[in-house]
């Protein structure tokens, strides 16, 4: 568990940095808002298909082996993004690689990590998922702060494009570090390598959850961190360093709030924790869309960050609690795939809306869809009983 948590922290740092750097890098290469959206879409579609493959065929391989392969893929992704400039190679690498333009863990690592975390006792599971999410958010915040490094390098005489490329080299190095960590995972016993159960008793509830989660993910894809950074660059002419500092604080606020998810869920329940924190965060996002100044916009987005991620550990723990232990790996994958597919569609829509000058529309659409998702989730699952 410690190795998984440390690896999550390292990946969170890399993801937090790249989510802010990616739009600036693509703009520096000569691409526009639409291309930023297209590459974000490609990364999420790729995550969906690799996650689906894990759910369908991953039980043929030891979990440790899959995690090692994912780490090598992360290293290759960073190296390829640092080396390519044209749109089509970047789209291909975005699709097959592990790049994550969002603030959460939206890559092939997620179902693998969740499967391992789910082996914890039921009474510790929510706290463990909260710790996992906290480390990802906290290190993502530090990574966002490090996104200002290219401006520091340019002050030292580096060309801006080369400085931005170095951030992807750093991403590749983190992938190598994660691979070294996963090598220390114990070799699985022979019995542990037997195929795990597919979805049987829990099939109906898993697909209902997957359908609802896909609405939330489609909405979230409209305002990925990379796209929010692009929004700040284009609407308020914010610098890369200032954007990195802002995303540091949003990540820090999200990380701290996730620590409160476990005790809050213990008091009011997992579903209530997800819904009652999520709806106010969506209201703040809609308010940010109509802010007349950068100060008001940033204030609304910071308030949103205090609440928007509290549902993440509760959601993971809830999925693991309403399925049988044998079905958990499949449930982790099959609730992730529709979410990733849904989230993959929306970044291109945001890029097109930005290119057309409709800068507020994606934020409003995101907030309204998320509120609809929360109300539907509460109506459908407020009385759901855990299975273990």
Protein backbone atom coordinates (compact mmCIF):
# COMPACT_ATOMS: atom_id res chain seq x y z
CA UNK A 1 0.00 0.00 0.00
CA UNK A 2 2.85 2.42 0.82
CA UNK A 3 4.50 1.82 -2.54
CA UNK A 4 1.21 2.47 -4.33
CA UNK A 5 0.66 5.69 -2.38
CA UNK A 6 4.20 6.97 -3.05
CA UNK A 7 3.84 6.17 -6.75
CA UNK A 8 0.50 8.01 -6.79
CA UNK A 9 2.18 11.03 -5.23
CA UNK A 10 4.90 11.08 -7.90
CA UNK A 11 2.37 10.69 -10.70
CA UNK A 12 0.23 13.42 -9.17
CA UNK A 13 3.20 15.81 -9.28
CA UNK A 14 3.85 15.02 -12.93
CA UNK A 15 0.17 15.26 -13.89
CA UNK A 16 -0.28 18.56 -12.06
CA UNK A 17 2.66 20.07 -13.90
CA UNK A 18 1.70 18.79 -17.35
CA UNK A 19 -1.97 19.81 -17.03
CA UNK A 20 -0.88 23.47 -16.81
CA UNK A 21 2.07 23.24 -19.22
CA UNK A 22 0.23 21.33 -21.98
CA UNK A 23 -1.83 24.23 -23.42
CA UNK A 24 1.13 26.62 -23.23
CA UNK A 25 3.33 24.02 -24.97
CA UNK A 26 0.80 23.45 -27.75
CA UNK A 27 0.32 27.18 -28.27
CA UNK A 28 4.12 27.61 -28.42
CA UNK A 29 4.24 24.90 -31.11
CA UNK A 30 1.81 26.97 -33.18
CA UNK A 31 -1.39 25.05 -32.45
CA UNK A 32 -4.65 26.72 -31.43
CA UNK A 33 -7.47 26.27 -28.92
CA UNK A 34 -9.15 23.58 -31.03
CA UNK A 35 -5.97 21.50 -31.16
CA UNK A 36 -5.63 21.72 -27.37
CA UNK A 37 -9.13 20.29 -27.09
CA UNK A 38 -8.45 17.57 -29.65
CA UNK A 39 -5.29 16.35 -27.92
CA UNK A 40 -7.08 16.38 -24.56
CA UNK A 41 -9.82 14.29 -26.15
CA UNK A 42 -7.27 11.85 -27.58
CA UNK A 43 -5.65 11.32 -24.18
CA UNK A 44 -8.98 10.55 -22.52
CA UNK A 45 -10.16 8.24 -25.30
CA UNK A 46 -6.89 6.35 -24.99
CA UNK A 47 -7.32 6.07 -21.23
CA UNK A 48 -10.82 4.68 -21.76
CA UNK A 49 -9.67 1.97 -24.15
CA UNK A 50 -6.69 0.90 -22.05
CA UNK A 51 -8.91 0.81 -18.96
CA UNK A 52 -11.42 -1.33 -20.87
CA UNK A 53 -8.61 -3.68 -21.87
CA UNK A 54 -7.59 -3.99 -18.21
CA UNK A 55 -11.13 -4.91 -17.27
CA UNK A 56 -11.55 -7.39 -20.10
CA UNK A 57 -8.17 -9.10 -20.29
CA UNK A 58 -6.18 -7.83 -17.31
CA UNK A 59 -7.07 -10.82 -15.14
CA UNK A 60 -4.79 -12.93 -17.35
CA UNK A 61 -1.74 -11.14 -15.94
CA UNK A 62 -0.38 -10.47 -12.49
CA UNK A 63 -1.30 -7.02 -11.17
CA UNK A 64 2.36 -6.19 -10.54
CA UNK A 65 3.22 -6.92 -14.16
CA UNK A 66 0.47 -4.62 -15.43
CA UNK A 67 1.61 -1.82 -13.13
CA UNK A 68 5.20 -2.11 -14.35
CA UNK A 69 4.02 -1.95 -17.97
CA UNK A 70 1.95 1.16 -17.23
CA UNK A 71 4.98 2.88 -15.69
CA UNK A 72 7.10 2.18 -18.77
CA UNK A 73 4.30 3.55 -20.94
CA UNK A 74 4.34 6.74 -18.85
CA UNK A 75 8.07 7.17 -19.46
CA UNK A 76 7.64 6.63 -23.19
CA UNK A 77 4.75 9.14 -23.31
CA UNK A 78 6.84 11.93 -21.82
CA UNK A 79 9.76 11.25 -24.15
CA UNK A 80 7.51 11.22 -27.22
CA UNK A 81 5.75 14.48 -26.33
CA UNK A 82 9.12 16.13 -25.81
CA UNK A 83 10.26 14.96 -29.24
CA UNK A 84 7.26 15.61 -31.50
CA UNK A 85 5.81 18.91 -32.69
CA UNK A 86 3.25 18.06 -35.39
CA UNK A 87 -0.40 17.52 -34.50
CA UNK A 88 -0.89 13.96 -35.73
CA UNK A 89 2.07 12.37 -33.88
CA UNK A 90 0.97 14.17 -30.72
CA UNK A 91 -2.59 12.89 -31.16
CA UNK A 92 -1.32 9.33 -31.54
CA UNK A 93 0.93 9.57 -28.50
CA UNK A 94 -1.87 11.19 -26.53
CA UNK A 95 -4.16 8.30 -27.41
CA UNK A 96 -1.80 5.42 -26.59
CA UNK A 97 0.04 7.10 -23.71
CA UNK A 98 -0.71 8.03 -20.11
CA UNK A 99 -0.90 11.84 -20.36
CA UNK A 100 -3.55 13.23 -18.03
CA UNK A 101 -4.90 16.75 -18.74
CA UNK A 102 -7.25 16.62 -15.75
CA UNK A 103 -6.79 17.22 -12.04
CA UNK A 104 -7.59 13.62 -11.10
CA UNK A 105 -6.21 10.21 -11.96
CA UNK A 106 -7.75 9.52 -15.36
CA UNK A 107 -5.22 7.04 -16.72
CA UNK A 108 -4.71 3.29 -16.87
CA UNK A 109 -3.16 3.45 -13.40
CA UNK A 110 -6.48 4.14 -11.69
CA UNK A 111 -8.19 0.72 -11.95
CA UNK A 112 -4.92 -1.01 -11.09
CA UNK A 113 -4.43 1.11 -7.97
CA UNK A 114 -8.08 0.84 -6.93
CA UNK A 115 -7.98 -2.94 -7.21
CA UNK A 116 -5.06 -3.06 -4.81
CA UNK A 117 -6.55 -0.51 -2.40
CA UNK A 118 -9.81 -2.47 -2.29
CA UNK A 119 -8.05 -5.33 -0.50
CA UNK A 120 -8.03 -3.20 2.67
CA UNK A 121 -10.62 -4.00 5.38
CA UNK A 122 -14.00 -2.32 4.84
CA UNK A 123 -13.67 -0.07 7.89
CA UNK A 124 -10.35 1.33 6.60
CA UNK A 125 -11.22 1.54 2.92
CA UNK A 126 -12.70 5.05 2.75
CA UNK A 127 -9.79 6.49 4.74
CA UNK A 128 -7.30 4.74 2.45
CA UNK A 129 -9.02 6.03 -0.67
CA UNK A 130 -9.04 9.50 0.91
CA UNK A 131 -5.29 9.26 1.57
CA UNK A 132 -4.73 8.10 -2.01
CA UNK A 133 -6.73 11.06 -3.37
CA UNK A 134 -5.10 13.48 -0.94
CA UNK A 135 -1.59 12.55 -2.03
CA UNK A 136 -2.54 12.86 -5.68
CA UNK A 137 -4.11 16.29 -5.15
CA UNK A 138 -1.38 17.60 -2.84
CA UNK A 139 1.43 16.57 -5.15
CA UNK A 140 -0.60 17.74 -8.14
CA UNK A 141 -0.68 21.16 -6.49
CA UNK A 142 3.09 21.16 -6.16
CA UNK A 143 3.34 20.03 -9.77
CA UNK A 144 1.16 22.95 -10.87
CA UNK A 145 3.49 25.30 -9.00
CA UNK A 146 6.44 23.72 -10.81
CA UNK A 147 4.70 24.57 -14.10
CA UNK A 148 6.23 28.02 -13.69
CA UNK A 149 9.70 26.52 -14.17
CA UNK A 150 9.82 27.27 -17.93
CA UNK A 151 9.56 30.98 -17.17
CA UNK A 152 12.43 30.65 -14.70
CA UNK A 153 14.48 28.83 -17.34
CA UNK A 154 13.77 31.51 -19.95
CA UNK A 155 15.04 34.12 -17.49
CA UNK A 156 18.26 32.11 -17.42
CA UNK A 157 18.56 32.27 -21.21
CA UNK A 158 16.65 29.18 -22.37
CA UNK A 159 14.29 29.43 -25.37
CA UNK A 160 10.72 29.08 -24.11
CA UNK A 161 9.93 26.08 -26.33
CA UNK A 162 12.96 24.16 -25.06
CA UNK A 163 12.03 25.00 -21.48
CA UNK A 164 8.51 23.66 -22.06
CA UNK A 165 9.91 20.49 -23.62
CA UNK A 166 11.93 19.88 -20.47
CA UNK A 167 8.68 19.50 -18.51
CA UNK A 168 7.83 16.46 -20.62
CA UNK A 169 11.33 15.07 -20.06
CA UNK A 170 10.61 15.44 -16.34
CA UNK A 171 7.35 13.54 -16.87
CA UNK A 172 9.30 10.70 -18.47
CA UNK A 173 11.76 10.61 -15.57
CA UNK A 174 8.87 10.34 -13.12
CA UNK A 175 7.61 7.36 -15.12
CA UNK A 176 10.99 5.68 -14.65
CA UNK A 177 10.88 6.42 -10.92
CA UNK A 178 7.40 4.88 -10.67
CA UNK A 179 8.66 1.80 -12.52
CA UNK A 180 11.49 1.42 -9.98
CA UNK A 181 8.96 1.67 -7.15
CA UNK A 182 6.68 -0.96 -8.67
CA UNK A 183 9.64 -3.32 -9.02
CA UNK A 184 9.65 -3.46 -5.22
CA UNK A 185 6.08 -4.80 -5.12
CA UNK A 186 6.08 -8.42 -3.94
CA UNK A 187 5.84 -11.13 -6.56
CA UNK A 188 2.29 -12.53 -6.51
CA UNK A 189 1.71 -15.99 -5.21
CA UNK A 190 0.50 -18.52 -7.71
CA UNK A 191 -3.00 -18.51 -6.25
CA UNK A 192 -3.20 -14.75 -6.61
CA UNK A 193 -2.68 -15.02 -10.36
CA UNK A 194 -5.91 -16.92 -11.00
CA UNK A 195 -8.50 -15.05 -13.08
CA UNK A 196 -10.77 -12.82 -11.04
CA UNK A 197 -14.53 -12.89 -11.39
CA UNK A 198 -16.30 -10.91 -14.05
CA UNK A 199 -19.37 -8.90 -13.15
CA UNK A 200 -22.25 -11.17 -12.15
CA UNK A 201 -24.40 -10.33 -9.11
CA UNK A 202 -23.44 -6.66 -9.22
CA UNK A 203 -23.75 -6.13 -12.96
CA UNK A 204 -26.93 -4.02 -12.78
CA UNK A 205 -25.74 -1.63 -10.07
CA UNK A 206 -22.32 -1.23 -11.69
CA UNK A 207 -23.80 -0.24 -15.03
CA UNK A 208 -26.25 2.15 -13.38
CA UNK A 209 -23.34 3.79 -11.58
CA UNK A 210 -21.28 3.84 -14.74
CA UNK A 211 -24.07 5.62 -16.60
CA UNK A 212 -24.38 8.30 -13.93
CA UNK A 213 -20.63 8.69 -13.57
CA UNK A 214 -20.37 9.22 -17.33
CA UNK A 215 -22.61 12.30 -17.05
CA UNK A 216 -20.34 13.70 -14.36
CA UNK A 217 -17.25 12.91 -16.42
CA UNK A 218 -18.62 14.45 -19.61
CA UNK A 219 -19.24 17.61 -17.62
CA UNK A 220 -15.80 17.48 -16.01
CA UNK A 221 -14.16 17.06 -19.41
CA UNK A 222 -15.46 20.50 -20.36
CA UNK A 223 -13.27 22.11 -17.70
CA UNK A 224 -10.15 19.97 -17.40
CA UNK A 225 -7.24 21.73 -15.75
CA UNK A 226 -5.58 22.14 -19.15
CA UNK A 227 -8.70 23.80 -20.50
CA UNK A 228 -9.15 25.99 -17.42
CA UNK A 229 -5.54 27.07 -17.83
CA UNK A 230 -6.26 27.87 -21.48
CA UNK A 231 -9.35 29.85 -20.36
CA UNK A 232 -7.22 31.88 -17.96
CA UNK A 233 -4.54 32.45 -20.61
CA UNK A 234 -7.03 33.62 -23.22
CA UNK A 235 -9.62 35.53 -21.16
CA UNK A 236 -7.41 37.24 -18.58
CA UNK A 237 -4.00 37.02 -20.30
CA UNK A 238 -2.60 35.20 -17.26
CA UNK A 239 1.05 34.17 -17.38
CA UNK A 240 2.20 30.55 -17.10
CA UNK A 241 3.80 31.22 -13.71
CA UNK A 242 0.67 32.88 -12.32
CA UNK A 243 -1.50 30.04 -13.61
CA UNK A 244 0.82 27.52 -11.99
CA UNK A 245 0.57 29.35 -8.67
CA UNK A 246 -3.22 29.44 -8.95
CA UNK A 247 -3.47 25.72 -9.69
CA UNK A 248 -1.14 25.07 -6.77
CA UNK A 249 -3.72 26.61 -4.44
CA UNK A 250 -6.68 24.86 -6.07
CA UNK A 251 -4.83 21.56 -5.74
CA UNK A 252 -3.87 22.31 -2.14
CA UNK A 253 -7.46 23.19 -1.24
CA UNK A 254 -8.75 20.04 -2.95
CA UNK A 255 -6.17 17.92 -1.15
CA UNK A 256 -7.07 19.27 2.27
CA UNK A 257 -10.78 18.86 1.60
CA UNK A 258 -10.32 15.22 0.66
CA UNK A 259 -8.94 14.47 4.10
CA UNK A 260 -12.31 15.57 5.45
CA UNK A 261 -14.16 13.14 3.16
CA UNK A 262 -13.62 10.06 5.34
CA UNK A 263 -14.91 11.49 8.67
CA UNK A 264 -17.73 13.28 6.85
CA UNK A 265 -18.76 10.08 5.07
CA UNK A 266 -18.68 8.22 8.36
CA UNK A 267 -21.09 10.78 9.81
CA UNK A 268 -23.53 11.39 6.94
CA UNK A 269 -22.85 8.52 4.50
CA UNK A 270 -20.96 8.15 1.23
CA UNK A 271 -23.74 9.29 -1.10
CA UNK A 272 -24.59 12.34 1.01
CA UNK A 273 -20.92 13.30 1.10
CA UNK A 274 -20.72 13.07 -2.68
CA UNK A 275 -23.88 15.07 -3.38
CA UNK A 276 -23.95 17.71 -0.65
CA UNK A 277 -20.39 18.88 -1.39
CA UNK A 278 -20.60 18.63 -5.17
CA UNK A 279 -23.63 20.83 -5.84
CA UNK A 280 -22.20 24.00 -4.19
CA UNK A 281 -18.94 23.52 -6.08
CA UNK A 282 -20.86 23.56 -9.37
CA UNK A 283 -22.59 26.79 -8.37
CA UNK A 284 -19.19 28.43 -7.82
CA UNK A 285 -18.02 27.25 -11.25
CA UNK A 286 -21.03 28.82 -12.95
CA UNK A 287 -20.41 32.05 -11.04
CA UNK A 288 -16.78 32.09 -12.25
CA UNK A 289 -17.96 31.99 -15.85
CA UNK A 290 -19.66 35.37 -15.43
CA UNK A 291 -16.96 37.03 -13.29
CA UNK A 292 -16.10 40.52 -14.47
CA UNK A 293 -12.52 40.45 -13.15
CA UNK A 294 -9.77 37.92 -12.72
CA UNK A 295 -9.88 38.34 -8.94
CA UNK A 296 -13.57 37.38 -8.75
CA UNK A 297 -13.07 34.47 -11.16
CA UNK A 298 -10.14 33.09 -9.19
CA UNK A 299 -12.05 33.50 -5.92
CA UNK A 300 -14.98 31.46 -7.27
CA UNK A 301 -12.67 28.77 -8.64
CA UNK A 302 -10.79 28.54 -5.35
CA UNK A 303 -14.09 28.16 -3.47
CA UNK A 304 -15.05 25.45 -5.93
CA UNK A 305 -11.79 23.60 -5.34
CA UNK A 306 -12.57 23.37 -1.61
CA UNK A 307 -15.58 21.18 -2.41
CA UNK A 308 -15.31 19.69 -5.89
CA UNK A 309 -13.01 16.76 -5.06
CA UNK A 310 -14.53 15.57 -1.79
CA UNK A 311 -16.64 13.11 -3.74
CA UNK A 312 -13.61 11.33 -5.23
CA UNK A 313 -12.60 9.10 -2.28
CA UNK A 314 -16.27 8.62 -1.34
CA UNK A 315 -17.08 7.51 -4.89
CA UNK A 316 -14.26 4.99 -5.03
CA UNK A 317 -15.15 3.57 -1.64
CA UNK A 318 -18.86 3.44 -2.55
CA UNK A 319 -18.24 1.44 -5.73
CA UNK A 320 -16.07 -1.03 -3.85
CA UNK A 321 -18.68 -1.37 -1.08
CA UNK A 322 -21.71 -2.22 -3.26
CA UNK A 323 -20.09 -5.07 -5.20
CA UNK A 324 -18.84 -8.44 -4.01
CA UNK A 325 -15.09 -8.72 -3.28
CA UNK A 326 -14.57 -11.00 -6.29
CA UNK A 327 -16.09 -8.41 -8.64
CA UNK A 328 -14.08 -5.41 -7.46
CA UNK A 329 -11.38 -5.41 -10.19
CA UNK A 330 -14.02 -5.61 -12.91
CA UNK A 331 -16.17 -2.99 -11.18
CA UNK A 332 -13.22 -0.60 -10.88
CA UNK A 333 -12.57 -0.94 -14.60
CA UNK A 334 -16.13 -0.89 -15.89
CA UNK A 335 -17.12 2.17 -13.91
CA UNK A 336 -14.01 3.92 -15.21
CA UNK A 337 -14.43 3.15 -18.92
CA UNK A 338 -17.76 4.96 -19.58
CA UNK A 339 -16.48 7.86 -17.49
CA UNK A 340 -13.32 8.10 -19.58
CA UNK A 341 -15.24 7.79 -22.86
CA UNK A 342 -17.71 10.48 -21.82
CA UNK A 343 -14.95 12.80 -20.60
CA UNK A 344 -13.06 12.27 -23.85
CA UNK A 345 -15.78 13.81 -25.99
CA UNK A 346 -16.13 17.12 -24.20
CA UNK A 347 -12.62 18.70 -24.42
CA UNK A 348 -12.97 19.02 -28.20
CA UNK A 349 -16.31 20.76 -27.64
CA UNK A 350 -14.65 23.19 -25.22
CA UNK A 351 -11.84 23.85 -27.68
CA UNK A 352 -14.37 24.59 -30.43
CA UNK A 353 -16.39 26.89 -28.16
CA UNK A 354 -13.25 28.75 -27.09
CA UNK A 355 -12.19 29.12 -30.72
CA UNK A 356 -15.65 30.53 -31.52
CA UNK A 357 -15.37 33.08 -28.70
CA UNK A 358 -17.92 31.44 -26.36
CA UNK A 359 -15.57 31.51 -23.37
CA UNK A 360 -18.23 31.19 -20.64
CA UNK A 361 -20.29 28.41 -22.21
CA UNK A 362 -18.19 25.36 -21.19
CA UNK A 363 -18.09 26.44 -17.54
CA UNK A 364 -21.85 26.95 -17.40
CA UNK A 365 -22.56 23.67 -19.16
CA UNK A 366 -20.23 21.84 -16.79
CA UNK A 367 -21.88 23.26 -13.68
CA UNK A 368 -25.43 22.53 -14.83
CA UNK A 369 -24.69 18.97 -15.91
CA UNK A 370 -22.91 18.20 -12.64
CA UNK A 371 -25.88 19.44 -10.61
CA UNK A 372 -28.19 17.20 -12.67
CA UNK A 373 -25.85 14.24 -12.05
CA UNK A 374 -25.79 14.86 -8.29
CA UNK A 375 -29.58 14.96 -8.04
CA UNK A 376 -29.94 11.76 -10.09
CA UNK A 377 -27.28 9.97 -8.02
CA UNK A 378 -28.99 10.94 -4.77
CA UNK A 379 -32.39 9.76 -6.02
CA UNK A 380 -31.05 6.42 -7.24
CA UNK A 381 -28.61 5.36 -4.51
CA UNK A 382 -29.38 7.13 -1.25
CA UNK A 383 -30.66 3.85 0.22
CA UNK A 384 -28.09 1.49 -1.30
CA UNK A 385 -26.72 -1.06 1.19
CA UNK A 386 -23.02 -2.05 1.25
CA UNK A 387 -21.98 -5.67 0.55
CA UNK A 388 -18.64 -5.63 2.29
